[in-house]
Amino acid sequence: MTEQNHEEAVKPTAASAGRAEAVAEDLSAQIVESVERRPGDVVRCTRVIGDRYRCNWWAPETKRAYDNPQMAGLIVTTHRVRQSHFLRATKATGGRLVINVVTAS
């Protein structure tokens, strides 16, 4: 195979280039804005690979047994993961976000 033929053989097709662009976009911020949440929830979403994401819903802990009021507001000490999902997110025709739960806890 000549060098010119080799280059032509490895060029992506229009269809594969379109899929690569769709997968390349990180939709984490859009997922955070669109998922349901309870009052007080803080949602964090991280892209795992391709169109797969890990989304955690952090909720404030009850303060009944809280012994250090100076620490209020620090998410590490006053919040817990209330819900966690692995999601698959894609963009449909027209730019609409489509989110499917892969696993639920």
Protein backbone atom coordinates (compact mmCIF):
# COMPACT_ATOMS: atom_id res chain seq x y z
CA MET A 1 0.00 0.00 0.00
CA THR A 2 1.43 3.39 -0.92
CA GLU A 3 1.59 6.22 1.61
CA GLN A 4 -1.18 8.10 -0.20
CA ASN A 5 -3.49 5.04 -0.16
CA HIS A 6 -2.74 4.44 3.53
CA GLU A 7 -3.75 8.00 4.42
CA GLU A 8 -7.01 7.61 2.52
CA ALA A 9 -7.71 4.30 4.27
CA VAL A 10 -7.47 5.80 7.76
CA LYS A 11 -9.45 8.99 7.11
CA PRO A 12 -12.67 8.98 9.14
CA THR A 13 -15.95 8.87 7.29
CA ALA A 14 -18.56 11.59 7.79
CA ALA A 15 -20.66 9.21 9.90
CA SER A 16 -17.81 8.21 12.22
CA ALA A 17 -16.66 11.84 12.50
CA GLY A 18 -20.18 12.85 13.59
CA ARG A 19 -20.24 10.16 16.28
CA ALA A 20 -16.81 11.21 17.53
CA GLU A 21 -17.94 14.84 17.84
CA ALA A 22 -21.10 13.83 19.71
CA VAL A 23 -19.14 11.70 22.16
CA ALA A 24 -16.39 14.29 22.53
CA GLU A 25 -18.70 16.90 24.09
CA ASP A 26 -18.74 16.78 27.90
CA LEU A 27 -22.38 17.11 28.99
CA SER A 28 -21.72 17.16 32.77
CA ALA A 29 -22.82 20.76 33.33
CA GLN A 30 -25.99 20.28 31.28
CA ILE A 31 -26.83 17.10 33.21
CA VAL A 32 -26.45 18.92 36.54
CA GLU A 33 -28.86 21.61 35.34
CA SER A 34 -31.48 19.17 34.08
CA VAL A 35 -31.74 16.42 36.75
CA GLU A 36 -34.39 16.52 39.45
CA ARG A 37 -33.30 17.44 42.94
CA ARG A 38 -34.74 17.99 46.38
CA PRO A 39 -34.47 21.31 48.20
CA GLY A 40 -30.94 21.65 49.59
CA ASP A 41 -29.40 19.10 47.21
CA VAL A 42 -26.05 19.82 45.59
CA VAL A 43 -25.62 17.77 42.40
CA ARG A 44 -22.17 16.83 41.09
CA CYS A 45 -21.65 15.07 37.79
CA THR A 46 -18.41 13.72 36.32
CA ARG A 47 -17.80 12.21 32.91
CA VAL A 48 -16.45 8.68 33.25
CA ILE A 49 -15.87 7.74 29.60
CA GLY A 50 -17.57 8.56 26.32
CA ASP A 51 -21.25 9.20 26.99
CA ARG A 52 -21.18 7.70 30.53
CA TYR A 53 -21.36 9.87 33.65
CA ARG A 54 -21.40 9.47 37.43
CA CYS A 55 -23.88 11.75 39.17
CA ASN A 56 -24.13 12.23 42.96
CA TRP A 57 -26.83 14.10 44.87
CA TRP A 58 -25.35 15.56 48.07
CA ALA A 59 -27.84 16.42 50.82
CA PRO A 60 -27.32 18.26 54.10
CA GLU A 61 -27.00 16.08 57.18
CA THR A 62 -29.38 16.58 60.05
CA LYS A 63 -27.92 18.91 62.70
CA ARG A 64 -29.59 17.23 65.69
CA ALA A 65 -26.44 15.39 66.73
CA TYR A 66 -24.05 18.01 65.33
CA ASP A 67 -21.49 18.99 67.98
CA ASN A 68 -19.49 21.71 66.18
CA PRO A 69 -21.61 24.58 64.79
CA GLN A 70 -18.45 26.38 63.57
CA MET A 71 -18.12 23.78 60.79
CA ALA A 72 -21.57 24.47 59.26
CA GLY A 73 -21.38 24.98 55.52
CA LEU A 74 -18.43 22.71 54.77
CA ILE A 75 -19.79 20.18 52.30
CA VAL A 76 -17.30 17.51 53.36
CA THR A 77 -18.51 17.48 56.96
CA THR A 78 -22.16 18.46 56.70
CA HIS A 79 -23.38 16.68 53.54
CA ARG A 80 -23.74 13.06 52.51
CA VAL A 81 -24.41 11.35 49.20
CA ARG A 82 -28.16 10.84 49.21
CA GLN A 83 -28.37 9.28 45.76
CA SER A 84 -25.91 8.15 43.10
CA HIS A 85 -26.40 7.05 39.48
CA PHE A 86 -24.35 6.06 36.50
CA LEU A 87 -25.94 7.81 33.54
CA ARG A 88 -25.73 7.66 29.76
CA ALA A 89 -26.29 11.10 28.21
CA THR A 90 -26.53 12.03 24.55
CA LYS A 91 -27.82 14.89 22.45
CA ALA A 92 -30.88 14.08 20.33
CA THR A 93 -31.90 15.80 17.12
CA GLY A 94 -32.50 19.47 17.83
CA GLY A 95 -29.97 19.53 20.69
CA ARG A 96 -32.30 18.00 23.29
CA LEU A 97 -30.45 16.24 26.12
CA VAL A 98 -31.40 12.55 26.56
CA ILE A 99 -30.42 10.99 29.90
CA ASN A 100 -30.81 7.29 30.73
CA VAL A 101 -30.02 5.74 34.11
CA VAL A 102 -27.52 2.90 33.69
CA THR A 103 -27.46 1.95 37.39
CA ALA A 104 -29.28 3.28 40.43
CA SER A 105 -28.49 3.15 44.11
